[in-house]
Each structure stands twice: as structure tokens, then as C-alpha cells.
Amino acid sequence: MPKPKVLSGQDVLKILAIFDFAIISQKGSHIKLRRDLHDGTRQTLTIPNHKELDKGTTVAIFRQALRYIPEAELKQHFYD
């Protein structure tokens, strides 16, 4: 199984921006992202804005994002 990349919170923000997620709020070091679909559906993710995310945190964010983004499109950004 491939290993997750070492990413920062800012790296994850840039990745999710590719998929039209935008920052809607921040509380402490956690940033809430949302994208609104044409049918009115709102999709929300929260990520920590740390300089380096733990591998477990990176995998958890990846799995949460899979609810909204196909794995084939997302995997290249999170895994080597």
C-alpha cells in the first residue's frame, strides 16, 4: 500500500481548492471548507492548519474527502 505524503494544512487547502472547496471560517487552528453544488447541496470539510500533519490525520482527511471526490482524482494528491 502506498504511503501518504507529508502534507501541511496549507498543502491540503491548495489540494481541496482544486476541487472548488473554499474557506468559510476558522476557529483556532481548524479551518472549515465548503463547496456548494448546483443542486444546492453543501459539502463541508474541516482540516487542521498545522505546519506538518501526522500521517494518520492526512489519511483521515483523505477518507473524509472521498465522500465528495472520486478516489481516482484525489489519490494522486495524497499518496506517493
PDB file of N, CA and C in Angstrom:
ATOM      1  N   MET A   1       0.847  -1.181   0.000  1.00  0.00           N
ATOM      2  CA  MET A   1       0.000   0.000   0.000  1.00  0.00           C
ATOM      3  C   MET A   1       0.891   1.242   0.000  1.00  0.00           C
ATOM      4  N   PRO A   2       0.546   2.250  -0.814  1.00  0.00           N
ATOM      5  CA  PRO A   2       1.370   3.459  -0.870  1.00  0.00           C
ATOM      6  C   PRO A   2       1.297   4.241   0.445  1.00  0.00           C
ATOM      7  N   LYS A   3       2.362   4.971   0.722  1.00  0.00           N
ATOM      8  CA  LYS A   3       2.413   5.786   1.934  1.00  0.00           C
ATOM      9  C   LYS A   3       1.845   7.169   1.641  1.00  0.00           C
ATOM     10  N   PRO A   4       1.155   7.752   2.629  1.00  0.00           N
ATOM     11  CA  PRO A   4       0.657   9.116   2.416  1.00  0.00           C
ATOM     12  C   PRO A   4       1.816  10.109   2.368  1.00  0.00           C
ATOM     13  N   LYS A   5       1.648  11.149   1.594  1.00  0.00           N
ATOM     14  CA  LYS A   5       2.653  12.205   1.518  1.00  0.00           C
ATOM     15  C   LYS A   5       2.670  12.983   2.825  1.00  0.00           C
ATOM     16  N   VAL A   6       3.793  13.629   3.097  1.00  0.00           N
ATOM     17  CA  VAL A   6       3.874  14.538   4.235  1.00  0.00           C
ATOM     18  C   VAL A   6       3.315  15.875   3.747  1.00  0.00           C
ATOM     19  N   LEU A   7       2.178  16.273   4.318  1.00  0.00           N
ATOM     20  CA  LEU A   7       1.497  17.490   3.891  1.00  0.00           C
ATOM     21  C   LEU A   7       1.292  18.434   5.063  1.00  0.00           C
ATOM     22  N   SER A   8       1.204  19.707   4.758  1.00  0.00           N
ATOM     23  CA  SER A   8       0.832  20.700   5.767  1.00  0.00           C
ATOM     24  C   SER A   8      -0.641  21.047   5.569  1.00  0.00           C
ATOM     25  N   GLY A   9      -1.191  21.780   6.504  1.00  0.00           N
ATOM     26  CA  GLY A   9      -2.569  22.235   6.360  1.00  0.00           C
ATOM     27  C   GLY A   9      -2.736  23.092   5.112  1.00  0.00           C
ATOM     28  N   GLN A  10      -1.732  23.911   4.828  1.00  0.00           N
ATOM     29  CA  GLN A  10      -1.791  24.763   3.634  1.00  0.00           C
ATOM     30  C   GLN A  10      -1.754  23.931   2.359  1.00  0.00           C
ATOM     31  N   ASP A  11      -0.991  22.843   2.368  1.00  0.00           N
ATOM     32  CA  ASP A  11      -0.957  21.947   1.211  1.00  0.00           C
ATOM     33  C   ASP A  11      -2.343  21.361   0.957  1.00  0.00           C
ATOM     34  N   VAL A  12      -3.000  20.932   2.027  1.00  0.00           N
ATOM     35  CA  VAL A  12      -4.337  20.345   1.894  1.00  0.00           C
ATOM     36  C   VAL A  12      -5.332  21.391   1.402  1.00  0.00           C
ATOM     37  N   LEU A  13      -5.206  22.627   1.885  1.00  0.00           N
ATOM     38  CA  LEU A  13      -6.081  23.702   1.400  1.00  0.00           C
ATOM     39  C   LEU A  13      -5.944  23.876  -0.114  1.00  0.00           C
ATOM     40  N   LYS A  14      -4.696  23.863  -0.606  1.00  0.00           N
ATOM     41  CA  LYS A  14      -4.453  24.023  -2.038  1.00  0.00           C
ATOM     42  C   LYS A  14      -5.036  22.851  -2.832  1.00  0.00           C
ATOM     43  N   ILE A  15      -4.889  21.639  -2.288  1.00  0.00           N
ATOM     44  CA  ILE A  15      -5.435  20.460  -2.965  1.00  0.00           C
ATOM     45  C   ILE A  15      -6.950  20.559  -3.056  1.00  0.00           C
ATOM     46  N   LEU A  16      -7.591  20.884  -1.947  1.00  0.00           N
ATOM     47  CA  LEU A  16      -9.054  20.938  -1.940  1.00  0.00           C
ATOM     48  C   LEU A  16      -9.594  22.129  -2.735  1.00  0.00           C
ATOM     49  N   ALA A  17      -8.800  23.181  -2.876  1.00  0.00           N
ATOM     50  CA  ALA A  17      -9.207  24.315  -3.713  1.00  0.00           C
ATOM     51  C   ALA A  17      -9.333  23.891  -5.173  1.00  0.00           C
ATOM     52  N   ILE A  18      -8.537  22.913  -5.595  1.00  0.00           N
ATOM     53  CA  ILE A  18      -8.633  22.379  -6.959  1.00  0.00           C
ATOM     54  C   ILE A  18     -10.045  21.846  -7.212  1.00  0.00           C
ATOM     55  N   PHE A  19     -10.660  21.314  -6.147  1.00  0.00           N
ATOM     56  CA  PHE A  19     -11.994  20.719  -6.249  1.00  0.00           C
ATOM     57  C   PHE A  19     -13.087  21.688  -5.809  1.00  0.00           C
ATOM     58  N   ASP A  20     -12.781  22.989  -5.848  1.00  0.00           N
ATOM     59  CA  ASP A  20     -13.726  24.079  -5.582  1.00  0.00           C
ATOM     60  C   ASP A  20     -14.147  24.236  -4.127  1.00  0.00           C
ATOM     61  N   PHE A  21     -13.365  23.727  -3.179  1.00  0.00           N
ATOM     62  CA  PHE A  21     -13.632  23.985  -1.770  1.00  0.00           C
ATOM     63  C   PHE A  21     -13.044  25.340  -1.419  1.00  0.00           C
ATOM     64  N   ALA A  22     -13.769  26.118  -0.623  1.00  0.00           N
ATOM     65  CA  ALA A  22     -13.320  27.448  -0.220  1.00  0.00           C
ATOM     66  C   ALA A  22     -13.433  27.578   1.301  1.00  0.00           C
ATOM     67  N   ILE A  23     -12.570  28.393   1.877  1.00  0.00           N
ATOM     68  CA  ILE A  23     -12.583  28.625   3.321  1.00  0.00           C
ATOM     69  C   ILE A  23     -13.829  29.419   3.682  1.00  0.00           C
ATOM     70  N   ILE A  24     -14.559  28.932   4.693  1.00  0.00           N
ATOM     71  CA  ILE A  24     -15.731  29.694   5.155  1.00  0.00           C
ATOM     72  C   ILE A  24     -15.540  30.212   6.571  1.00  0.00           C
ATOM     73  N   SER A  25     -14.696  29.540   7.374  1.00  0.00           N
ATOM     74  CA  SER A  25     -14.426  30.029   8.725  1.00  0.00           C
ATOM     75  C   SER A  25     -13.205  29.343   9.293  1.00  0.00           C
ATOM     76  N   GLN A  26     -12.718  29.932  10.389  1.00  0.00           N
ATOM     77  CA  GLN A  26     -11.594  29.336  11.090  1.00  0.00           C
ATOM     78  C   GLN A  26     -11.790  29.567  12.578  1.00  0.00           C
ATOM     79  N   LYS A  27     -11.560  28.525  13.355  1.00  0.00           N
ATOM     80  CA  LYS A  27     -11.623  28.643  14.807  1.00  0.00           C
ATOM     81  C   LYS A  27     -10.355  27.995  15.345  1.00  0.00           C
ATOM     82  N   GLY A  28      -9.479  28.820  15.887  1.00  0.00           N
ATOM     83  CA  GLY A  28      -8.185  28.316  16.324  1.00  0.00           C
ATOM     84  C   GLY A  28      -7.394  27.856  15.118  1.00  0.00           C
ATOM     85  N   SER A  29      -6.879  26.638  15.169  1.00  0.00           N
ATOM     86  CA  SER A  29      -6.072  26.141  14.056  1.00  0.00           C
ATOM     87  C   SER A  29      -6.879  25.295  13.080  1.00  0.00           C
ATOM     88  N   HIS A  30      -8.189  25.233  13.267  1.00  0.00           N
ATOM     89  CA  HIS A  30      -9.017  24.416  12.380  1.00  0.00           C
ATOM     90  C   HIS A  30      -9.770  25.296  11.384  1.00  0.00           C
ATOM     91  N   ILE A  31      -9.676  24.898  10.130  1.00  0.00           N
ATOM     92  CA  ILE A  31     -10.287  25.663   9.040  1.00  0.00           C
ATOM     93  C   ILE A  31     -11.446  24.863   8.467  1.00  0.00           C
ATOM     94  N   LYS A  32     -12.572  25.522   8.315  1.00  0.00           N
ATOM     95  CA  LYS A  32     -13.756  24.877   7.741  1.00  0.00           C
ATOM     96  C   LYS A  32     -13.844  25.265   6.274  1.00  0.00           C
ATOM     97  N   LEU A  33     -13.954  24.252   5.420  1.00  0.00           N
ATOM     98  CA  LEU A  33     -14.049  24.445   3.974  1.00  0.00           C
ATOM     99  C   LEU A  33     -15.415  23.981   3.497  1.00  0.00           C
ATOM    100  N   ARG A  34     -15.909  24.629   2.464  1.00  0.00           N
ATOM    101  CA  ARG A  34     -17.208  24.234   1.918  1.00  0.00           C
ATOM    102  C   ARG A  34     -17.222  24.457   0.416  1.00  0.00           C
ATOM    103  N   ARG A  35     -17.985  23.607  -0.246  1.00  0.00           N
ATOM    104  CA  ARG A  35     -18.306  23.866  -1.649  1.00  0.00           C
ATOM    105  C   ARG A  35     -19.798  23.647  -1.820  1.00  0.00           C
ATOM    106  N   ASP A  36     -20.390  24.514  -2.618  1.00  0.00           N
ATOM    107  CA  ASP A  36     -21.819  24.450  -2.897  1.00  0.00           C
ATOM    108  C   ASP A  36     -22.008  23.898  -4.299  1.00  0.00           C
ATOM    109  N   LEU A  37     -22.830  22.880  -4.413  1.00  0.00           N
ATOM    110  CA  LEU A  37     -23.105  22.274  -5.710  1.00  0.00           C
ATOM    111  C   LEU A  37     -24.293  22.966  -6.369  1.00  0.00           C
ATOM    112  N   HIS A  38     -24.467  22.720  -7.651  1.00  0.00           N
ATOM    113  CA  HIS A  38     -25.526  23.369  -8.410  1.00  0.00           C
ATOM    114  C   HIS A  38     -26.916  23.013  -7.903  1.00  0.00           C
ATOM    115  N   ASP A  39     -27.075  21.833  -7.303  1.00  0.00           N
ATOM    116  CA  ASP A  39     -28.391  21.420  -6.807  1.00  0.00           C
ATOM    117  C   ASP A  39     -28.671  21.956  -5.399  1.00  0.00           C
ATOM    118  N   GLY A  40     -27.779  22.801  -4.878  1.00  0.00           N
ATOM    119  CA  GLY A  40     -27.983  23.395  -3.565  1.00  0.00           C
ATOM    120  C   GLY A  40     -27.343  22.613  -2.426  1.00  0.00           C
ATOM    121  N   THR A  41     -26.727  21.483  -2.729  1.00  0.00           N
ATOM    122  CA  THR A  41     -26.067  20.672  -1.718  1.00  0.00           C
ATOM    123  C   THR A  41     -24.793  21.362  -1.246  1.00  0.00           C
ATOM    124  N   ARG A  42     -24.574  21.342   0.062  1.00  0.00           N
ATOM    125  CA  ARG A  42     -23.346  21.896   0.627  1.00  0.00           C
ATOM    126  C   ARG A  42     -22.486  20.765   1.148  1.00  0.00           C
ATOM    127  N   GLN A  43     -21.226  20.790   0.802  1.00  0.00           N
ATOM    128  CA  GLN A  43     -20.276  19.781   1.257  1.00  0.00           C
ATOM    129  C   GLN A  43     -19.221  20.487   2.106  1.00  0.00           C
ATOM    130  N   THR A  44     -19.021  19.992   3.326  1.00  0.00           N
ATOM    131  CA  THR A  44     -18.152  20.661   4.290  1.00  0.00           C
ATOM    132  C   THR A  44     -17.070  19.718   4.796  1.00  0.00           C
ATOM    133  N   LEU A  45     -15.857  20.243   4.909  1.00  0.00           N
ATOM    134  CA  LEU A  45     -14.721  19.526   5.498  1.00  0.00           C
ATOM    135  C   LEU A  45     -14.014  20.462   6.470  1.00  0.00           C
ATOM    136  N   THR A  46     -13.457  19.908   7.531  1.00  0.00           N
ATOM    137  CA  THR A  46     -12.670  20.687   8.480  1.00  0.00           C
ATOM    138  C   THR A  46     -11.280  20.084   8.545  1.00  0.00           C
ATOM    139  N   ILE A  47     -10.281  20.957   8.422  1.00  0.00           N
ATOM    140  CA  ILE A  47      -8.898  20.478   8.465  1.00  0.00           C
ATOM    141  C   ILE A  47      -8.083  21.313   9.448  1.00  0.00           C
ATOM    142  N   PRO A  48      -7.082  20.707  10.084  1.00  0.00           N
ATOM    143  CA  PRO A  48      -6.190  21.471  10.956  1.00  0.00           C
ATOM    144  C   PRO A  48      -5.151  22.203  10.121  1.00  0.00           C
ATOM    145  N   ASN A  49      -4.855  23.411  10.501  1.00  0.00           N
ATOM    146  CA  ASN A  49      -3.868  24.207   9.779  1.00  0.00           C
ATOM    147  C   ASN A  49      -2.522  24.106  10.503  1.00  0.00           C
ATOM    148  N   HIS A  50      -1.896  22.933  10.422  1.00  0.00           N
ATOM    149  CA  HIS A  50      -0.609  22.703  11.060  1.00  0.00           C
ATOM    150  C   HIS A  50       0.500  22.707  10.012  1.00  0.00           C
ATOM    151  N   LYS A  51       1.718  22.976  10.468  1.00  0.00           N
ATOM    152  CA  LYS A  51       2.856  23.001   9.546  1.00  0.00           C
ATOM    153  C   LYS A  51       3.118  21.634   8.936  1.00  0.00           C
ATOM    154  N   GLU A  52       2.906  20.577   9.724  1.00  0.00           N
ATOM    155  CA  GLU A  52       3.044  19.220   9.212  1.00  0.00           C
ATOM    156  C   GLU A  52       1.971  18.358   9.860  1.00  0.00           C
ATOM    157  N   LEU A  53       1.151  17.736   9.027  1.00  0.00           N
ATOM    158  CA  LEU A  53       0.086  16.874   9.531  1.00  0.00           C
ATOM    159  C   LEU A  53       0.629  15.481   9.807  1.00  0.00           C
ATOM    160  N   ASP A  54       0.158  14.852  10.882  1.00  0.00           N
ATOM    161  CA  ASP A  54       0.503  13.459  11.136  1.00  0.00           C
ATOM    162  C   ASP A  54      -0.037  12.611   9.997  1.00  0.00           C
ATOM    163  N   LYS A  55       0.605  11.489   9.744  1.00  0.00           N
ATOM    164  CA  LYS A  55       0.155  10.612   8.657  1.00  0.00           C
ATOM    165  C   LYS A  55      -1.280  10.137   8.885  1.00  0.00           C
ATOM    166  N   GLY A  56      -1.633   9.848  10.120  1.00  0.00           N
ATOM    167  CA  GLY A  56      -2.990   9.424  10.435  1.00  0.00           C
ATOM    168  C   GLY A  56      -4.014  10.508  10.145  1.00  0.00           C
ATOM    169  N   THR A  57      -3.645  11.754  10.417  1.00  0.00           N
ATOM    170  CA  THR A  57      -4.527  12.884  10.133  1.00  0.00           C
ATOM    171  C   THR A  57      -4.692  13.058   8.629  1.00  0.00           C
ATOM    172  N   THR A  58      -3.598  12.917   7.895  1.00  0.00           N
ATOM    173  CA  THR A  58      -3.657  13.024   6.438  1.00  0.00           C
ATOM    174  C   THR A  58      -4.579  11.956   5.854  1.00  0.00           C
ATOM    175  N   VAL A  59      -4.462  10.733   6.352  1.00  0.00           N
ATOM    176  CA  VAL A  59      -5.314   9.637   5.874  1.00  0.00           C
ATOM    177  C   VAL A  59      -6.773   9.908   6.241  1.00  0.00           C
ATOM    178  N   ALA A  60      -7.022  10.431   7.443  1.00  0.00           N
ATOM    179  CA  ALA A  60      -8.391  10.731   7.862  1.00  0.00           C
ATOM    180  C   ALA A  60      -9.018  11.810   6.976  1.00  0.00           C
ATOM    181  N   ILE A  61      -8.250  12.837   6.637  1.00  0.00           N
ATOM    182  CA  ILE A  61      -8.758  13.889   5.749  1.00  0.00           C
ATOM    183  C   ILE A  61      -9.053  13.303   4.369  1.00  0.00           C
ATOM    184  N   PHE A  62      -8.145  12.459   3.883  1.00  0.00           N
ATOM    185  CA  PHE A  62      -8.346  11.806   2.592  1.00  0.00           C
ATOM    186  C   PHE A  62      -9.651  11.017   2.590  1.00  0.00           C
ATOM    187  N   ARG A  63      -9.880  10.230   3.630  1.00  0.00           N
ATOM    188  CA  ARG A  63     -11.100   9.412   3.703  1.00  0.00           C
ATOM    189  C   ARG A  63     -12.359  10.272   3.782  1.00  0.00           C
ATOM    190  N   GLN A  64     -12.292  11.374   4.520  1.00  0.00           N
ATOM    191  CA  GLN A  64     -13.450  12.261   4.598  1.00  0.00           C
ATOM    192  C   GLN A  64     -13.729  12.900   3.240  1.00  0.00           C
ATOM    193  N   ALA A  65     -12.671  13.295   2.554  1.00  0.00           N
ATOM    194  CA  ALA A  65     -12.836  13.927   1.242  1.00  0.00           C
ATOM    195  C   ALA A  65     -13.389  12.946   0.216  1.00  0.00           C
ATOM    196  N   LEU A  66     -13.152  11.643   0.415  1.00  0.00           N
ATOM    197  CA  LEU A  66     -13.676  10.637  -0.513  1.00  0.00           C
ATOM    198  C   LEU A  66     -15.201  10.617  -0.549  1.00  0.00           C
ATOM    199  N   ARG A  67     -15.850  11.163   0.472  1.00  0.00           N
ATOM    200  CA  ARG A  67     -17.320  11.254   0.455  1.00  0.00           C
ATOM    201  C   ARG A  67     -17.791  12.150  -0.691  1.00  0.00           C
ATOM    202  N   TYR A  68     -16.921  13.077  -1.099  1.00  0.00           N
ATOM    203  CA  TYR A  68     -17.308  14.085  -2.086  1.00  0.00           C
ATOM    204  C   TYR A  68     -16.527  14.036  -3.394  1.00  0.00           C
ATOM    205  N   ILE A  69     -15.330  13.462  -3.355  1.00  0.00           N
ATOM    206  CA  ILE A  69     -14.434  13.485  -4.506  1.00  0.00           C
ATOM    207  C   ILE A  69     -14.063  12.050  -4.864  1.00  0.00           C
ATOM    208  N   PRO A  70     -14.128  11.672  -6.138  1.00  0.00           N
ATOM    209  CA  PRO A  70     -13.744  10.306  -6.531  1.00  0.00           C
ATOM    210  C   PRO A  70     -12.284  10.000  -6.174  1.00  0.00           C
ATOM    211  N   GLU A  71     -12.040   8.773  -5.732  1.00  0.00           N
ATOM    212  CA  GLU A  71     -10.702   8.373  -5.299  1.00  0.00           C
ATOM    213  C   GLU A  71      -9.665   8.529  -6.406  1.00  0.00           C
ATOM    214  N   ALA A  72     -10.031   8.225  -7.627  1.00  0.00           N
ATOM    215  CA  ALA A  72      -9.086   8.316  -8.746  1.00  0.00           C
ATOM    216  C   ALA A  72      -8.556   9.741  -8.919  1.00  0.00           C
ATOM    217  N   GLU A  73      -9.367  10.731  -8.626  1.00  0.00           N
ATOM    218  CA  GLU A  73      -8.951  12.132  -8.768  1.00  0.00           C
ATOM    219  C   GLU A  73      -8.167  12.614  -7.555  1.00  0.00           C
ATOM    220  N   LEU A  74      -8.489  12.101  -6.387  1.00  0.00           N
ATOM    221  CA  LEU A  74      -7.925  12.612  -5.149  1.00  0.00           C
ATOM    222  C   LEU A  74      -6.615  11.923  -4.740  1.00  0.00           C
ATOM    223  N   LYS A  75      -6.484  10.651  -5.030  1.00  0.00           N
ATOM    224  CA  LYS A  75      -5.375   9.847  -4.518  1.00  0.00           C
ATOM    225  C   LYS A  75      -4.009  10.383  -4.929  1.00  0.00           C
ATOM    226  N   GLN A  76      -3.889  10.868  -6.140  1.00  0.00           N
ATOM    227  CA  GLN A  76      -2.595  11.360  -6.618  1.00  0.00           C
ATOM    228  C   GLN A  76      -2.065  12.528  -5.787  1.00  0.00           C
ATOM    229  N   HIS A  77      -2.952  13.263  -5.130  1.00  0.00           N
ATOM    230  CA  HIS A  77      -2.544  14.411  -4.336  1.00  0.00           C
ATOM    231  C   HIS A  77      -2.111  14.027  -2.921  1.00  0.00           C
ATOM    232  N   PHE A  78      -2.618  12.896  -2.417  1.00  0.00           N
ATOM    233  CA  PHE A  78      -2.360  12.495  -1.033  1.00  0.00           C
ATOM    234  C   PHE A  78      -1.354  11.371  -0.874  1.00  0.00           C
ATOM    235  N   TYR A  79      -1.108  10.606  -1.926  1.00  0.00           N
ATOM    236  CA  TYR A  79      -0.220   9.452  -1.823  1.00  0.00           C
ATOM    237  C   TYR A  79       0.902   9.512  -2.849  1.00  0.00           C
ATOM    238  N   ASP A  80       2.061   8.954  -2.455  1.00  0.00           N
ATOM    239  CA  ASP A  80       3.217   8.888  -3.355  1.00  0.00           C
ATOM    240  C   ASP A  80       2.987   7.862  -4.455  1.00  0.00           C
TER     241      ASP A  80
END
